[in-house]
Amino acid sequence: MGELIFKSNLNQDWISFALIFNIFLTYLLVKINPIRTSRLLNFLKTDLYFSKHNSERETQYLNPYNIVGTLMILNTICLSFIFFSEKIFYDKTYFFEFCFLFLFLIMFIVIRYFFETLITKKADFWKKIKPLIFKNFTLNLQYAYLYFALILIGFYSKIPSLLINFIIGITLISWFLSQTRLFLTLFKFLPKEVFYFILYLCTFKLIPWYCFYLFVLEPRF
């Protein structure tokens, strides 16, 4: 009996470490740029954040702040996988699954980055949509924090799971609407670029994530 309890505690401990990793990443963001982080977490003044941090240096993919922010988003996706698996599907997850998913996502993002820069670097279209990509990244990072908070509550509070799932559902709908609103701005201000944007969206955003779901997540669930 003692051995079973010990193994159960070990399983819970690695999940705790995965959660703590997000807190560590937040600490790094604060150390790199405390003002930018405080503005990022001020969800009611997102427009101020865009206007203050839309510089050429801060929108670079390989900017240290953006790299750490990307890791925050990817780790939250992995935590979401754990949460849905254990709290909704009641299927226990293991540390090697978390590591595999996290490393796979990193490889996935790196490969997509190289293909994206290779194809779009010389195109004028890239310069036009770069602010939009930065806004998309910012919204994803903000919603990663919201979702991370909900996962923490779901794992460690006694709030009914039905209520947590309802709030998560509302958050996902809100994220989808914010993304839709963001993309519609391109159609409004750059109507001649709509075809290229749809091509970009399908090639680098939708199809890769669909393949990721098809080959990695669907077999698990």
Protein backbone atom coordinates (compact mmCIF):
# COMPACT_ATOMS: atom_id res chain seq x y z
CA MET A 1 0.00 0.00 0.00
CA GLY A 2 2.83 2.37 0.89
CA GLU A 3 4.48 1.72 -2.47
CA LEU A 4 1.28 2.58 -4.33
CA ILE A 5 0.92 5.86 -2.44
CA PHE A 6 4.56 6.68 -3.18
CA LYS A 7 4.06 6.12 -6.92
CA SER A 8 0.91 8.23 -6.86
CA ASN A 9 2.79 11.05 -5.15
CA LEU A 10 5.55 10.82 -7.75
CA ASN A 11 2.99 11.19 -10.53
CA GLN A 12 1.47 14.24 -8.85
CA ASP A 13 4.95 15.71 -8.24
CA TRP A 14 5.94 15.76 -11.91
CA ILE A 15 2.67 17.49 -12.75
CA SER A 16 3.48 20.07 -10.08
CA PHE A 17 6.92 20.58 -11.62
CA ALA A 18 5.31 21.08 -15.03
CA LEU A 19 3.09 23.75 -13.49
CA ILE A 20 6.02 25.37 -11.68
CA PHE A 21 7.90 25.53 -14.99
CA ASN A 22 5.37 28.11 -16.20
CA ILE A 23 6.01 30.17 -13.07
CA PHE A 24 9.74 29.97 -13.77
CA LEU A 25 9.17 31.12 -17.36
CA THR A 26 7.14 34.05 -16.03
CA TYR A 27 10.08 34.93 -13.77
CA LEU A 28 12.35 34.95 -16.84
CA LEU A 29 9.94 37.25 -18.69
CA VAL A 30 9.99 39.66 -15.75
CA LYS A 31 13.80 39.58 -15.62
CA ILE A 32 14.13 40.18 -19.37
CA ASN A 33 11.62 43.02 -19.54
CA PRO A 34 9.56 43.83 -16.42
CA ILE A 35 7.68 46.74 -17.99
CA ARG A 36 6.64 44.70 -21.01
CA THR A 37 5.50 41.84 -18.76
CA SER A 38 3.39 44.10 -16.55
CA ARG A 39 1.74 45.55 -19.64
CA LEU A 40 1.24 42.07 -21.09
CA LEU A 41 -0.62 40.94 -17.96
CA ASN A 42 -2.81 44.04 -17.97
CA PHE A 43 -5.51 42.40 -20.10
CA LEU A 44 -7.65 45.54 -20.15
CA LYS A 45 -4.97 47.61 -21.91
CA THR A 46 -3.83 45.33 -24.70
CA ASP A 47 -3.90 48.19 -27.21
CA LEU A 48 -1.36 50.06 -25.08
CA TYR A 49 0.88 46.99 -25.13
CA PHE A 50 0.69 46.78 -28.93
CA SER A 51 1.52 50.45 -29.38
CA LYS A 52 4.50 50.38 -26.99
CA HIS A 53 6.09 47.08 -28.03
CA ASN A 54 5.52 46.85 -31.76
CA SER A 55 9.11 47.79 -32.57
CA GLU A 56 11.31 45.91 -35.04
CA ARG A 57 13.49 44.52 -32.25
CA GLU A 58 10.65 43.32 -30.03
CA THR A 59 8.71 41.64 -32.82
CA GLN A 60 11.66 39.50 -33.94
CA TYR A 61 10.99 35.77 -33.57
CA LEU A 62 14.40 35.15 -32.00
CA ASN A 63 14.07 37.93 -29.45
CA PRO A 64 14.74 36.31 -26.01
CA TYR A 65 11.43 37.59 -24.64
CA ASN A 66 9.49 36.05 -27.52
CA ILE A 67 11.34 32.74 -27.21
CA VAL A 68 10.49 32.45 -23.51
CA GLY A 69 6.90 33.50 -24.26
CA THR A 70 6.66 30.78 -26.91
CA LEU A 71 7.87 28.19 -24.37
CA MET A 72 5.17 29.45 -22.01
CA ILE A 73 2.51 28.89 -24.67
CA LEU A 74 3.84 25.41 -25.56
CA ASN A 75 4.05 24.32 -21.92
CA THR A 76 0.47 25.50 -21.36
CA ILE A 77 -0.63 23.40 -24.35
CA CYS A 78 1.06 20.38 -22.75
CA LEU A 79 -0.58 21.14 -19.42
CA SER A 80 -3.91 21.33 -21.24
CA PHE A 81 -3.25 17.85 -22.61
CA ILE A 82 -2.63 16.59 -19.06
CA PHE A 83 -5.69 18.37 -17.68
CA PHE A 84 -8.11 17.07 -20.31
CA SER A 85 -6.65 13.58 -20.11
CA GLU A 86 -6.87 13.28 -16.31
CA LYS A 87 -9.82 15.49 -15.38
CA ILE A 88 -12.17 14.94 -18.30
CA PHE A 89 -11.23 11.58 -19.82
CA TYR A 90 -9.97 10.15 -16.48
CA ASP A 91 -6.94 8.69 -18.22
CA LYS A 92 -3.66 8.91 -16.30
CA THR A 93 -0.74 10.59 -18.04
CA TYR A 94 2.95 9.96 -17.51
CA PHE A 95 6.04 12.10 -17.47
CA PHE A 96 7.47 10.63 -20.69
CA GLU A 97 4.23 11.57 -22.50
CA PHE A 98 4.55 15.15 -21.31
CA CYS A 99 8.23 15.31 -22.37
CA PHE A 100 7.46 13.78 -25.77
CA LEU A 101 4.66 16.25 -26.40
CA PHE A 102 6.73 19.23 -25.28
CA LEU A 103 9.76 18.28 -27.40
CA PHE A 104 7.51 17.49 -30.36
CA LEU A 105 5.92 20.93 -30.13
CA ILE A 106 9.32 22.61 -29.99
CA MET A 107 10.47 20.72 -33.09
CA PHE A 108 7.15 21.51 -34.75
CA ILE A 109 7.53 25.26 -34.08
CA VAL A 110 11.21 25.34 -35.16
CA ILE A 111 10.51 23.56 -38.46
CA ARG A 112 7.54 25.81 -39.15
CA TYR A 113 9.67 28.88 -38.38
CA PHE A 114 12.37 27.92 -40.89
CA PHE A 115 9.86 27.12 -43.62
CA GLU A 116 7.96 30.32 -42.92
CA THR A 117 11.03 32.57 -43.04
CA LEU A 118 12.40 30.76 -46.10
CA ILE A 119 9.23 31.32 -48.11
CA THR A 120 8.09 34.73 -46.87
CA LYS A 121 11.34 36.53 -46.12
CA LYS A 122 11.62 38.12 -49.56
CA ALA A 123 7.93 38.82 -49.94
CA ASP A 124 6.48 42.28 -49.34
CA PHE A 125 3.43 40.54 -47.92
CA TRP A 126 5.51 39.43 -44.93
CA LYS A 127 6.20 43.03 -43.90
CA LYS A 128 2.53 43.87 -44.12
CA ILE A 129 1.32 41.08 -41.87
CA LYS A 130 4.19 41.15 -39.35
CA PRO A 131 2.27 43.45 -36.94
CA LEU A 132 -0.68 41.07 -37.19
CA ILE A 133 1.54 38.10 -36.31
CA PHE A 134 2.89 40.00 -33.31
CA LYS A 135 -0.65 40.73 -32.12
CA ASN A 136 -1.58 37.09 -32.62
CA PHE A 137 1.42 35.99 -30.53
CA THR A 138 0.52 38.48 -27.80
CA LEU A 139 -3.08 37.28 -27.59
CA ASN A 140 -1.94 33.66 -27.48
CA LEU A 141 0.43 34.44 -24.63
CA GLN A 142 -2.23 36.33 -22.68
CA TYR A 143 -4.74 33.51 -23.10
CA ALA A 144 -2.02 31.03 -22.11
CA TYR A 145 -1.85 32.82 -18.76
CA LEU A 146 -5.62 32.75 -18.36
CA TYR A 147 -5.75 29.10 -19.25
CA PHE A 148 -2.81 28.31 -16.96
CA ALA A 149 -4.69 29.92 -14.05
CA LEU A 150 -7.75 27.78 -14.81
CA ILE A 151 -5.62 24.62 -14.95
CA LEU A 152 -4.12 25.48 -11.56
CA ILE A 153 -7.60 25.94 -10.11
CA GLY A 154 -8.78 22.72 -11.75
CA PHE A 155 -5.94 20.67 -10.30
CA TYR A 156 -5.72 22.09 -6.78
CA SER A 157 -9.13 23.49 -5.84
CA LYS A 158 -12.37 21.82 -4.82
CA ILE A 159 -14.44 23.81 -7.30
CA PRO A 160 -16.77 21.44 -9.21
CA SER A 161 -15.17 20.22 -12.42
CA LEU A 162 -18.32 21.10 -14.37
CA LEU A 163 -17.90 24.76 -13.45
CA ILE A 164 -14.19 24.72 -14.35
CA ASN A 165 -14.94 23.08 -17.70
CA PHE A 166 -17.62 25.70 -18.38
CA ILE A 167 -15.20 28.56 -17.68
CA ILE A 168 -12.55 26.90 -19.86
CA GLY A 169 -15.10 26.60 -22.65
CA ILE A 170 -15.96 30.31 -22.35
CA THR A 171 -12.25 31.16 -22.40
CA LEU A 172 -11.70 29.12 -25.57
CA ILE A 173 -14.67 30.81 -27.26
CA SER A 174 -13.29 34.20 -26.22
CA TRP A 175 -9.88 33.28 -27.66
CA PHE A 176 -11.47 32.17 -30.94
CA LEU A 177 -13.46 35.41 -31.23
CA SER A 178 -10.36 37.50 -30.52
CA GLN A 179 -8.47 35.65 -33.24
CA THR A 180 -11.34 36.11 -35.69
CA ARG A 181 -11.53 39.83 -34.93
CA LEU A 182 -7.77 40.13 -35.42
CA PHE A 183 -7.81 38.41 -38.81
CA LEU A 184 -10.78 40.45 -39.99
CA THR A 185 -8.71 43.60 -39.57
CA LEU A 186 -6.49 42.38 -42.40
CA PHE A 187 -9.49 41.97 -44.68
CA LYS A 188 -10.52 45.51 -43.82
CA PHE A 189 -7.20 47.32 -44.28
CA LEU A 190 -5.48 45.06 -46.83
CA PRO A 191 -8.28 43.68 -49.03
CA LYS A 192 -5.89 43.00 -51.94
CA GLU A 193 -3.81 40.70 -49.73
CA VAL A 194 -6.68 38.46 -48.64
CA PHE A 195 -5.78 35.62 -51.00
CA TYR A 196 -2.14 35.55 -49.85
CA PHE A 197 -3.21 35.73 -46.23
CA ILE A 198 -5.60 32.80 -46.58
CA LEU A 199 -2.81 30.84 -48.27
CA TYR A 200 -0.45 31.76 -45.44
CA LEU A 201 -3.05 30.90 -42.80
CA CYS A 202 -3.76 27.46 -44.24
CA THR A 203 -0.13 26.59 -45.00
CA PHE A 204 1.53 27.71 -41.77
CA LYS A 205 -1.26 27.83 -39.20
CA LEU A 206 -4.20 25.51 -39.79
CA ILE A 207 -2.80 22.52 -41.68
CA PRO A 208 0.25 21.96 -39.40
CA TRP A 209 -1.90 22.06 -36.24
CA TYR A 210 -4.45 19.76 -37.82
CA CYS A 211 -1.69 17.26 -38.64
CA PHE A 212 -0.44 17.60 -35.08
CA TYR A 213 -3.90 16.75 -33.75
CA LEU A 214 -4.37 13.92 -36.24
CA PHE A 215 -1.09 12.13 -35.56
CA VAL A 216 -0.37 12.99 -31.91
CA LEU A 217 -3.54 13.85 -29.97
CA GLU A 218 -6.32 11.87 -31.65
CA PRO A 219 -4.67 8.43 -31.09
CA ARG A 220 -4.22 9.34 -27.40
CA PHE A 221 -7.88 10.20 -26.83
